[in-house]
Amino acid sequence: MRAARRGVELEDGLVYPKDVEAHSVSRGLWELDLTITEGRTREIRRLCEALDLVVERLVRTRFGPVNLGKLPSGESRGLTRTERDIIDAIAHGRR
C-alpha cells in the first residue's frame, strides 16, 4: 500500500492512486480498494503487476460520478437525473 501511495512508474508515466485501502480476506489473500482518476488502459492490472501483486479478480464499482452498486456484470441501467447533471457539468466545464 505504501508503494502504491508513493506512486508507481509504468511505461506510460507515473500512477498515483487517489486512494488505496487493503483488507485481509484470508491467510495470504488481500482485497485492495483502489481509486484512480485517469483510467489508462489496464492501469490497475499494470499497477498491481509493477508491485508484484497477482490480480485474481477485478471489479469496477464506480465510473466517475456513477456508482454501479449491485449492477450485474454485462447489465446496464439508465443514469439518474443527478448523474446526468454532473456529467453534463463536467463536459461543459461548469464544475
PDB file of N, CA and C in Angstrom:
ATOM      1  N   MET A   1       0.821  -1.184   0.000  1.00  0.00           N
ATOM      2  CA  MET A   1       0.000   0.000   0.000  1.00  0.00           C
ATOM      3  C   MET A   1       0.872   1.257   0.000  1.00  0.00           C
ATOM      4  N   ARG A   2       1.938   1.239   0.793  1.00  0.00           N
ATOM      5  CA  ARG A   2       2.807   2.416   0.842  1.00  0.00           C
ATOM      6  C   ARG A   2       3.424   2.714  -0.522  1.00  0.00           C
ATOM      7  N   ALA A   3       3.868   1.657  -1.204  1.00  0.00           N
ATOM      8  CA  ALA A   3       4.473   1.854  -2.530  1.00  0.00           C
ATOM      9  C   ALA A   3       3.452   2.424  -3.503  1.00  0.00           C
ATOM     10  N   ALA A   4       2.230   1.927  -3.472  1.00  0.00           N
ATOM     11  CA  ALA A   4       1.181   2.430  -4.367  1.00  0.00           C
ATOM     12  C   ALA A   4       0.880   3.887  -4.058  1.00  0.00           C
ATOM     13  N   ARG A   5       0.833   4.240  -2.791  1.00  0.00           N
ATOM     14  CA  ARG A   5       0.536   5.633  -2.407  1.00  0.00           C
ATOM     15  C   ARG A   5       1.636   6.596  -2.854  1.00  0.00           C
ATOM     16  N   ARG A   6       2.885   6.108  -2.873  1.00  0.00           N
ATOM     17  CA  ARG A   6       4.013   6.957  -3.289  1.00  0.00           C
ATOM     18  C   ARG A   6       4.011   7.173  -4.800  1.00  0.00           C
ATOM     19  N   GLY A   7       3.311   6.314  -5.503  1.00  0.00           N
ATOM     20  CA  GLY A   7       3.293   6.393  -6.961  1.00  0.00           C
ATOM     21  C   GLY A   7       4.141   5.293  -7.555  1.00  0.00           C
ATOM     22  N   VAL A   8       3.704   4.776  -8.682  1.00  0.00           N
ATOM     23  CA  VAL A   8       4.389   3.677  -9.344  1.00  0.00           C
ATOM     24  C   VAL A   8       4.647   4.074 -10.793  1.00  0.00           C
ATOM     25  N   GLU A   9       5.879   3.874 -11.231  1.00  0.00           N
ATOM     26  CA  GLU A   9       6.257   4.203 -12.602  1.00  0.00           C
ATOM     27  C   GLU A   9       5.819   3.078 -13.533  1.00  0.00           C
ATOM     28  N   LEU A  10       4.986   3.413 -14.517  1.00  0.00           N
ATOM     29  CA  LEU A  10       4.599   2.486 -15.572  1.00  0.00           C
ATOM     30  C   LEU A  10       5.219   2.987 -16.872  1.00  0.00           C
ATOM     31  N   GLU A  11       5.129   2.196 -17.939  1.00  0.00           N
ATOM     32  CA  GLU A  11       5.753   2.596 -19.204  1.00  0.00           C
ATOM     33  C   GLU A  11       5.151   3.873 -19.784  1.00  0.00           C
ATOM     34  N   ASP A  12       3.933   4.227 -19.391  1.00  0.00           N
ATOM     35  CA  ASP A  12       3.308   5.447 -19.906  1.00  0.00           C
ATOM     36  C   ASP A  12       3.212   6.552 -18.852  1.00  0.00           C
ATOM     37  N   GLY A  13       4.032   6.453 -17.813  1.00  0.00           N
ATOM     38  CA  GLY A  13       4.082   7.504 -16.805  1.00  0.00           C
ATOM     39  C   GLY A  13       3.755   7.013 -15.415  1.00  0.00           C
ATOM     40  N   LEU A  14       3.865   7.933 -14.461  1.00  0.00           N
ATOM     41  CA  LEU A  14       3.586   7.619 -13.063  1.00  0.00           C
ATOM     42  C   LEU A  14       2.098   7.442 -12.811  1.00  0.00           C
ATOM     43  N   VAL A  15       1.780   6.529 -11.900  1.00  0.00           N
ATOM     44  CA  VAL A  15       0.409   6.326 -11.440  1.00  0.00           C
ATOM     45  C   VAL A  15       0.368   6.668  -9.965  1.00  0.00           C
ATOM     46  N   TYR A  16      -0.491   7.598  -9.601  1.00  0.00           N
ATOM     47  CA  TYR A  16      -0.712   7.967  -8.209  1.00  0.00           C
ATOM     48  C   TYR A  16      -2.170   7.685  -7.872  1.00  0.00           C
ATOM     49  N   PRO A  17      -2.467   6.542  -7.265  1.00  0.00           N
ATOM     50  CA  PRO A  17      -3.863   6.301  -6.886  1.00  0.00           C
ATOM     51  C   PRO A  17      -4.353   7.393  -5.935  1.00  0.00           C
ATOM     52  N   LYS A  18      -5.582   7.801  -6.125  1.00  0.00           N
ATOM     53  CA  LYS A  18      -6.184   8.814  -5.255  1.00  0.00           C
ATOM     54  C   LYS A  18      -6.412   8.246  -3.858  1.00  0.00           C
ATOM     55  N   ASP A  19      -6.745   6.954  -3.799  1.00  0.00           N
ATOM     56  CA  ASP A  19      -6.992   6.299  -2.517  1.00  0.00           C
ATOM     57  C   ASP A  19      -6.602   4.830  -2.646  1.00  0.00           C
ATOM     58  N   VAL A  20      -6.019   4.274  -1.583  1.00  0.00           N
ATOM     59  CA  VAL A  20      -5.635   2.867  -1.548  1.00  0.00           C
ATOM     60  C   VAL A  20      -5.985   2.308  -0.174  1.00  0.00           C
ATOM     61  N   GLU A  21      -6.721   1.218  -0.158  1.00  0.00           N
ATOM     62  CA  GLU A  21      -7.038   0.516   1.084  1.00  0.00           C
ATOM     63  C   GLU A  21      -6.853  -0.975   0.850  1.00  0.00           C
ATOM     64  N   ALA A  22      -6.402  -1.687   1.887  1.00  0.00           N
ATOM     65  CA  ALA A  22      -6.230  -3.142   1.793  1.00  0.00           C
ATOM     66  C   ALA A  22      -6.983  -3.798   2.938  1.00  0.00           C
ATOM     67  N   HIS A  23      -7.623  -4.922   2.636  1.00  0.00           N
ATOM     68  CA  HIS A  23      -8.394  -5.674   3.632  1.00  0.00           C
ATOM     69  C   HIS A  23      -8.012  -7.142   3.507  1.00  0.00           C
ATOM     70  N   SER A  24      -7.645  -7.751   4.622  1.00  0.00           N
ATOM     71  CA  SER A  24      -7.310  -9.174   4.604  1.00  0.00           C
ATOM     72  C   SER A  24      -8.590  -9.985   4.429  1.00  0.00           C
ATOM     73  N   VAL A  25      -8.597 -10.866   3.432  1.00  0.00           N
ATOM     74  CA  VAL A  25      -9.749 -11.718   3.164  1.00  0.00           C
ATOM     75  C   VAL A  25      -9.548 -13.078   3.821  1.00  0.00           C
ATOM     76  N   SER A  26      -8.357 -13.600   3.693  1.00  0.00           N
ATOM     77  CA  SER A  26      -7.976 -14.850   4.344  1.00  0.00           C
ATOM     78  C   SER A  26      -6.455 -14.886   4.380  1.00  0.00           C
ATOM     79  N   ARG A  27      -5.912 -15.937   4.907  1.00  0.00           N
ATOM     80  CA  ARG A  27      -4.460 -16.029   5.048  1.00  0.00           C
ATOM     81  C   ARG A  27      -3.767 -15.881   3.689  1.00  0.00           C
ATOM     82  N   GLY A  28      -2.999 -14.810   3.542  1.00  0.00           N
ATOM     83  CA  GLY A  28      -2.264 -14.566   2.312  1.00  0.00           C
ATOM     84  C   GLY A  28      -3.079 -13.986   1.173  1.00  0.00           C
ATOM     85  N   LEU A  29      -4.361 -13.731   1.390  1.00  0.00           N
ATOM     86  CA  LEU A  29      -5.219 -13.186   0.341  1.00  0.00           C
ATOM     87  C   LEU A  29      -5.771 -11.843   0.809  1.00  0.00           C
ATOM     88  N   TRP A  30      -5.585 -10.841  -0.023  1.00  0.00           N
ATOM     89  CA  TRP A  30      -5.998  -9.480   0.325  1.00  0.00           C
ATOM     90  C   TRP A  30      -6.922  -8.921  -0.746  1.00  0.00           C
ATOM     91  N   GLU A  31      -7.767  -8.025  -0.310  1.00  0.00           N
ATOM     92  CA  GLU A  31      -8.625  -7.275  -1.223  1.00  0.00           C
ATOM     93  C   GLU A  31      -8.149  -5.832  -1.199  1.00  0.00           C
ATOM     94  N   LEU A  32      -7.896  -5.276  -2.358  1.00  0.00           N
ATOM     95  CA  LEU A  32      -7.472  -3.886  -2.465  1.00  0.00           C
ATOM     96  C   LEU A  32      -8.604  -3.041  -3.016  1.00  0.00           C
ATOM     97  N   ASP A  33      -8.810  -1.895  -2.424  1.00  0.00           N
ATOM     98  CA  ASP A  33      -9.729  -0.892  -2.953  1.00  0.00           C
ATOM     99  C   ASP A  33      -8.861   0.247  -3.467  1.00  0.00           C
ATOM    100  N   LEU A  34      -8.873   0.449  -4.765  1.00  0.00           N
ATOM    101  CA  LEU A  34      -8.067   1.492  -5.388  1.00  0.00           C
ATOM    102  C   LEU A  34      -8.970   2.495  -6.082  1.00  0.00           C
ATOM    103  N   THR A  35      -8.652   3.751  -5.933  1.00  0.00           N
ATOM    104  CA  THR A  35      -9.355   4.804  -6.656  1.00  0.00           C
ATOM    105  C   THR A  35      -8.341   5.500  -7.542  1.00  0.00           C
ATOM    106  N   ILE A  36      -8.624   5.510  -8.845  1.00  0.00           N
ATOM    107  CA  ILE A  36      -7.757   6.202  -9.793  1.00  0.00           C
ATOM    108  C   ILE A  36      -8.581   7.278 -10.492  1.00  0.00           C
ATOM    109  N   THR A  37      -7.886   8.247 -11.064  1.00  0.00           N
ATOM    110  CA  THR A  37      -8.603   9.348 -11.707  1.00  0.00           C
ATOM    111  C   THR A  37      -8.407   9.393 -13.212  1.00  0.00           C
ATOM    112  N   GLU A  38      -7.478   8.590 -13.746  1.00  0.00           N
ATOM    113  CA  GLU A  38      -7.231   8.645 -15.188  1.00  0.00           C
ATOM    114  C   GLU A  38      -7.892   7.516 -15.955  1.00  0.00           C
ATOM    115  N   GLY A  39      -7.709   6.295 -15.553  1.00  0.00           N
ATOM    116  CA  GLY A  39      -8.294   5.167 -16.259  1.00  0.00           C
ATOM    117  C   GLY A  39      -7.563   4.797 -17.535  1.00  0.00           C
ATOM    118  N   ARG A  40      -6.228   4.852 -17.494  1.00  0.00           N
ATOM    119  CA  ARG A  40      -5.448   4.415 -18.658  1.00  0.00           C
ATOM    120  C   ARG A  40      -5.674   2.925 -18.897  1.00  0.00           C
ATOM    121  N   THR A  41      -5.341   2.471 -20.088  1.00  0.00           N
ATOM    122  CA  THR A  41      -5.554   1.077 -20.466  1.00  0.00           C
ATOM    123  C   THR A  41      -4.931   0.123 -19.450  1.00  0.00           C
ATOM    124  N   ARG A  42      -5.771  -0.746 -18.883  1.00  0.00           N
ATOM    125  CA  ARG A  42      -5.341  -1.781 -17.943  1.00  0.00           C
ATOM    126  C   ARG A  42      -4.497  -1.219 -16.791  1.00  0.00           C
ATOM    127  N   GLU A  43      -4.783   0.001 -16.383  1.00  0.00           N
ATOM    128  CA  GLU A  43      -3.970   0.711 -15.389  1.00  0.00           C
ATOM    129  C   GLU A  43      -3.876  -0.029 -14.058  1.00  0.00           C
ATOM    130  N   ILE A  44      -4.995  -0.518 -13.560  1.00  0.00           N
ATOM    131  CA  ILE A  44      -4.983  -1.230 -12.274  1.00  0.00           C
ATOM    132  C   ILE A  44      -4.164  -2.515 -12.387  1.00  0.00           C
ATOM    133  N   ARG A  45      -4.385  -3.278 -13.429  1.00  0.00           N
ATOM    134  CA  ARG A  45      -3.623  -4.529 -13.610  1.00  0.00           C
ATOM    135  C   ARG A  45      -2.130  -4.253 -13.728  1.00  0.00           C
ATOM    136  N   ARG A  46      -1.769  -3.219 -14.481  1.00  0.00           N
ATOM    137  CA  ARG A  46      -0.353  -2.889 -14.651  1.00  0.00           C
ATOM    138  C   ARG A  46       0.258  -2.366 -13.364  1.00  0.00           C
ATOM    139  N   LEU A  47      -0.509  -1.595 -12.599  1.00  0.00           N
ATOM    140  CA  LEU A  47      -0.051  -1.109 -11.301  1.00  0.00           C
ATOM    141  C   LEU A  47       0.240  -2.287 -10.373  1.00  0.00           C
ATOM    142  N   CYS A  48      -0.682  -3.226 -10.291  1.00  0.00           N
ATOM    143  CA  CYS A  48      -0.506  -4.403  -9.443  1.00  0.00           C
ATOM    144  C   CYS A  48       0.686  -5.241  -9.894  1.00  0.00           C
ATOM    145  N   GLU A  49       0.831  -5.405 -11.194  1.00  0.00           N
ATOM    146  CA  GLU A  49       1.970  -6.175 -11.719  1.00  0.00           C
ATOM    147  C   GLU A  49       3.287  -5.516 -11.319  1.00  0.00           C
ATOM    148  N   ALA A  50       3.355  -4.192 -11.396  1.00  0.00           N
ATOM    149  CA  ALA A  50       4.572  -3.474 -11.016  1.00  0.00           C
ATOM    150  C   ALA A  50       4.881  -3.647  -9.530  1.00  0.00           C
ATOM    151  N   LEU A  51       3.860  -3.909  -8.728  1.00  0.00           N
ATOM    152  CA  LEU A  51       4.026  -4.120  -7.290  1.00  0.00           C
ATOM    153  C   LEU A  51       4.152  -5.602  -6.944  1.00  0.00           C
ATOM    154  N   ASP A  52       4.293  -6.459  -7.968  1.00  0.00           N
ATOM    155  CA  ASP A  52       4.389  -7.915  -7.789  1.00  0.00           C
ATOM    156  C   ASP A  52       3.162  -8.503  -7.099  1.00  0.00           C
ATOM    157  N   LEU A  53       1.998  -7.968  -7.418  1.00  0.00           N
ATOM    158  CA  LEU A  53       0.733  -8.489  -6.895  1.00  0.00           C
ATOM    159  C   LEU A  53       0.017  -9.265  -8.000  1.00  0.00           C
ATOM    160  N   VAL A  54      -0.650 -10.329  -7.634  1.00  0.00           N
ATOM    161  CA  VAL A  54      -1.412 -11.134  -8.587  1.00  0.00           C
ATOM    162  C   VAL A  54      -2.879 -10.713  -8.496  1.00  0.00           C
ATOM    163  N   VAL A  55      -3.473 -10.360  -9.617  1.00  0.00           N
ATOM    164  CA  VAL A  55      -4.883  -9.980  -9.655  1.00  0.00           C
ATOM    165  C   VAL A  55      -5.704 -11.211 -10.000  1.00  0.00           C
ATOM    166  N   GLU A  56      -6.546 -11.634  -9.074  1.00  0.00           N
ATOM    167  CA  GLU A  56      -7.424 -12.773  -9.335  1.00  0.00           C
ATOM    168  C   GLU A  56      -8.761 -12.326  -9.896  1.00  0.00           C
ATOM    169  N   ARG A  57      -9.187 -11.157  -9.481  1.00  0.00           N
ATOM    170  CA  ARG A  57     -10.483 -10.643  -9.905  1.00  0.00           C
ATOM    171  C   ARG A  57     -10.454  -9.124  -9.795  1.00  0.00           C
ATOM    172  N   LEU A  58     -11.042  -8.462 -10.768  1.00  0.00           N
ATOM    173  CA  LEU A  58     -11.086  -7.013 -10.784  1.00  0.00           C
ATOM    174  C   LEU A  58     -12.540  -6.593 -10.937  1.00  0.00           C
ATOM    175  N   VAL A  59     -13.023  -5.769 -10.025  1.00  0.00           N
ATOM    176  CA  VAL A  59     -14.421  -5.347 -10.039  1.00  0.00           C
ATOM    177  C   VAL A  59     -14.480  -3.829 -10.022  1.00  0.00           C
ATOM    178  N   ARG A  60     -15.093  -3.262 -11.055  1.00  0.00           N
ATOM    179  CA  ARG A  60     -15.299  -1.804 -11.078  1.00  0.00           C
ATOM    180  C   ARG A  60     -16.568  -1.509 -10.289  1.00  0.00           C
ATOM    181  N   THR A  61     -16.459  -0.592  -9.346  1.00  0.00           N
ATOM    182  CA  THR A  61     -17.613  -0.257  -8.519  1.00  0.00           C
ATOM    183  C   THR A  61     -18.171   1.126  -8.824  1.00  0.00           C
ATOM    184  N   ARG A  62     -17.368   1.917  -9.536  1.00  0.00           N
ATOM    185  CA  ARG A  62     -17.782   3.286  -9.820  1.00  0.00           C
ATOM    186  C   ARG A  62     -17.096   3.749 -11.093  1.00  0.00           C
ATOM    187  N   PHE A  63     -17.772   4.577 -11.846  1.00  0.00           N
ATOM    188  CA  PHE A  63     -17.204   5.169 -13.042  1.00  0.00           C
ATOM    189  C   PHE A  63     -17.548   6.647 -12.999  1.00  0.00           C
ATOM    190  N   GLY A  64     -16.562   7.477 -12.629  1.00  0.00           N
ATOM    191  CA  GLY A  64     -16.828   8.903 -12.461  1.00  0.00           C
ATOM    192  C   GLY A  64     -17.893   9.109 -11.398  1.00  0.00           C
ATOM    193  N   PRO A  65     -18.932   9.867 -11.702  1.00  0.00           N
ATOM    194  CA  PRO A  65     -19.978  10.123 -10.713  1.00  0.00           C
ATOM    195  C   PRO A  65     -21.013   8.999 -10.608  1.00  0.00           C
ATOM    196  N   VAL A  66     -20.827   7.939 -11.397  1.00  0.00           N
ATOM    197  CA  VAL A  66     -21.820   6.861 -11.451  1.00  0.00           C
ATOM    198  C   VAL A  66     -21.380   5.703 -10.562  1.00  0.00           C
ATOM    199  N   ASN A  67     -22.112   5.497  -9.460  1.00  0.00           N
ATOM    200  CA  ASN A  67     -21.868   4.376  -8.555  1.00  0.00           C
ATOM    201  C   ASN A  67     -22.627   3.180  -9.122  1.00  0.00           C
ATOM    202  N   LEU A  68     -21.906   2.104  -9.430  1.00  0.00           N
ATOM    203  CA  LEU A  68     -22.529   0.957 -10.091  1.00  0.00           C
ATOM    204  C   LEU A  68     -23.315   0.070  -9.145  1.00  0.00           C
ATOM    205  N   GLY A  69     -23.077   0.184  -7.850  1.00  0.00           N
ATOM    206  CA  GLY A  69     -23.857  -0.586  -6.874  1.00  0.00           C
ATOM    207  C   GLY A  69     -23.849  -2.076  -7.162  1.00  0.00           C
ATOM    208  N   LYS A  70     -25.008  -2.701  -7.157  1.00  0.00           N
ATOM    209  CA  LYS A  70     -25.147  -4.146  -7.360  1.00  0.00           C
ATOM    210  C   LYS A  70     -25.455  -4.509  -8.812  1.00  0.00           C
ATOM    211  N   LEU A  71     -25.136  -3.624  -9.741  1.00  0.00           N
ATOM    212  CA  LEU A  71     -25.411  -3.876 -11.156  1.00  0.00           C
ATOM    213  C   LEU A  71     -24.661  -5.130 -11.617  1.00  0.00           C
ATOM    214  N   PRO A  72     -25.374  -6.145 -12.106  1.00  0.00           N
ATOM    215  CA  PRO A  72     -24.714  -7.379 -12.547  1.00  0.00           C
ATOM    216  C   PRO A  72     -23.786  -7.132 -13.738  1.00  0.00           C
ATOM    217  N   SER A  73     -22.748  -7.932 -13.828  1.00  0.00           N
ATOM    218  CA  SER A  73     -21.799  -7.850 -14.930  1.00  0.00           C
ATOM    219  C   SER A  73     -22.531  -7.980 -16.271  1.00  0.00           C
ATOM    220  N   GLY A  74     -22.216  -7.087 -17.203  1.00  0.00           N
ATOM    221  CA  GLY A  74     -22.819  -7.127 -18.532  1.00  0.00           C
ATOM    222  C   GLY A  74     -24.155  -6.413 -18.624  1.00  0.00           C
ATOM    223  N   GLU A  75     -24.712  -5.991 -17.500  1.00  0.00           N
ATOM    224  CA  GLU A  75     -26.006  -5.295 -17.490  1.00  0.00           C
ATOM    225  C   GLU A  75     -25.794  -3.782 -17.568  1.00  0.00           C
ATOM    226  N   SER A  76     -26.861  -3.071 -17.837  1.00  0.00           N
ATOM    227  CA  SER A  76     -26.803  -1.612 -17.881  1.00  0.00           C
ATOM    228  C   SER A  76     -28.032  -1.042 -17.185  1.00  0.00           C
ATOM    229  N   ARG A  77     -27.967   0.242 -16.900  1.00  0.00           N
ATOM    230  CA  ARG A  77     -29.101   0.953 -16.330  1.00  0.00           C
ATOM    231  C   ARG A  77     -29.036   2.388 -16.814  1.00  0.00           C
ATOM    232  N   GLY A  78     -30.142   3.059 -16.756  1.00  0.00           N
ATOM    233  CA  GLY A  78     -30.156   4.462 -17.129  1.00  0.00           C
ATOM    234  C   GLY A  78     -29.493   5.303 -16.051  1.00  0.00           C
ATOM    235  N   LEU A  79     -29.017   6.475 -16.443  1.00  0.00           N
ATOM    236  CA  LEU A  79     -28.438   7.394 -15.476  1.00  0.00           C
ATOM    237  C   LEU A  79     -29.537   8.087 -14.695  1.00  0.00           C
ATOM    238  N   THR A  80     -29.225   8.406 -13.442  1.00  0.00           N
ATOM    239  CA  THR A  80     -30.170   9.201 -12.654  1.00  0.00           C
ATOM    240  C   THR A  80     -30.071  10.651 -13.140  1.00  0.00           C
ATOM    241  N   ARG A  81     -31.030  11.443 -12.765  1.00  0.00           N
ATOM    242  CA  ARG A  81     -31.023  12.861 -13.140  1.00  0.00           C
ATOM    243  C   ARG A  81     -29.762  13.547 -12.593  1.00  0.00           C
ATOM    244  N   THR A  82     -29.407  13.239 -11.360  1.00  0.00           N
ATOM    245  CA  THR A  82     -28.218  13.832 -10.737  1.00  0.00           C
ATOM    246  C   THR A  82     -26.956  13.437 -11.501  1.00  0.00           C
ATOM    247  N   GLU A  83     -26.837  12.152 -11.869  1.00  0.00           N
ATOM    248  CA  GLU A  83     -25.679  11.688 -12.635  1.00  0.00           C
ATOM    249  C   GLU A  83     -25.592  12.411 -13.971  1.00  0.00           C
ATOM    250  N   ARG A  84     -26.724  12.563 -14.652  1.00  0.00           N
ATOM    251  CA  ARG A  84     -26.742  13.271 -15.935  1.00  0.00           C
ATOM    252  C   ARG A  84     -26.304  14.728 -15.761  1.00  0.00           C
ATOM    253  N   ASP A  85     -26.803  15.368 -14.704  1.00  0.00           N
ATOM    254  CA  ASP A  85     -26.450  16.771 -14.456  1.00  0.00           C
ATOM    255  C   ASP A  85     -24.955  16.930 -14.185  1.00  0.00           C
ATOM    256  N   ILE A  86     -24.383  16.021 -13.395  1.00  0.00           N
ATOM    257  CA  ILE A  86     -22.953  16.088 -13.079  1.00  0.00           C
ATOM    258  C   ILE A  86     -22.120  15.861 -14.332  1.00  0.00           C
ATOM    259  N   ILE A  87     -22.470  14.862 -15.116  1.00  0.00           N
ATOM    260  CA  ILE A  87     -21.731  14.575 -16.347  1.00  0.00           C
ATOM    261  C   ILE A  87     -21.843  15.740 -17.317  1.00  0.00           C
ATOM    262  N   ASP A  88     -23.020  16.327 -17.438  1.00  0.00           N
ATOM    263  CA  ASP A  88     -23.215  17.487 -18.302  1.00  0.00           C
ATOM    264  C   ASP A  88     -22.345  18.655 -17.836  1.00  0.00           C
ATOM    265  N   ALA A  89     -22.297  18.886 -16.518  1.00  0.00           N
ATOM    266  CA  ALA A  89     -21.481  19.972 -15.973  1.00  0.00           C
ATOM    267  C   ALA A  89     -20.007  19.736 -16.248  1.00  0.00           C
ATOM    268  N   ILE A  90     -19.545  18.503 -16.085  1.00  0.00           N
ATOM    269  CA  ILE A  90     -18.138  18.191 -16.357  1.00  0.00           C
ATOM    270  C   ILE A  90     -17.834  18.392 -17.833  1.00  0.00           C
ATOM    271  N   ALA A  91     -18.712  17.911 -18.699  1.00  0.00           N
ATOM    272  CA  ALA A  91     -18.493  18.004 -20.145  1.00  0.00           C
ATOM    273  C   ALA A  91     -18.471  19.444 -20.633  1.00  0.00           C
ATOM    274  N   HIS A  92     -19.189  20.313 -19.946  1.00  0.00           N
ATOM    275  CA  HIS A  92     -19.270  21.699 -20.379  1.00  0.00           C
ATOM    276  C   HIS A  92     -18.473  22.639 -19.472  1.00  0.00           C
ATOM    277  N   GLY A  93     -17.595  22.069 -18.641  1.00  0.00           N
ATOM    278  CA  GLY A  93     -16.699  22.883 -17.824  1.00  0.00           C
ATOM    279  C   GLY A  93     -17.379  23.719 -16.764  1.00  0.00           C
ATOM    280  N   ARG A  94     -18.525  23.261 -16.276  1.00  0.00           N
ATOM    281  CA  ARG A  94     -19.256  24.040 -15.281  1.00  0.00           C
ATOM    282  C   ARG A  94     -19.073  23.485 -13.874  1.00  0.00           C
ATOM    283  N   ARG A  95     -18.133  22.641 -13.683  1.00  0.00           N
ATOM    284  CA  ARG A  95     -17.982  22.035 -12.355  1.00  0.00           C
ATOM    285  C   ARG A  95     -16.950  22.737 -11.551  1.00  0.00           C
TER     286      ARG A  95
END
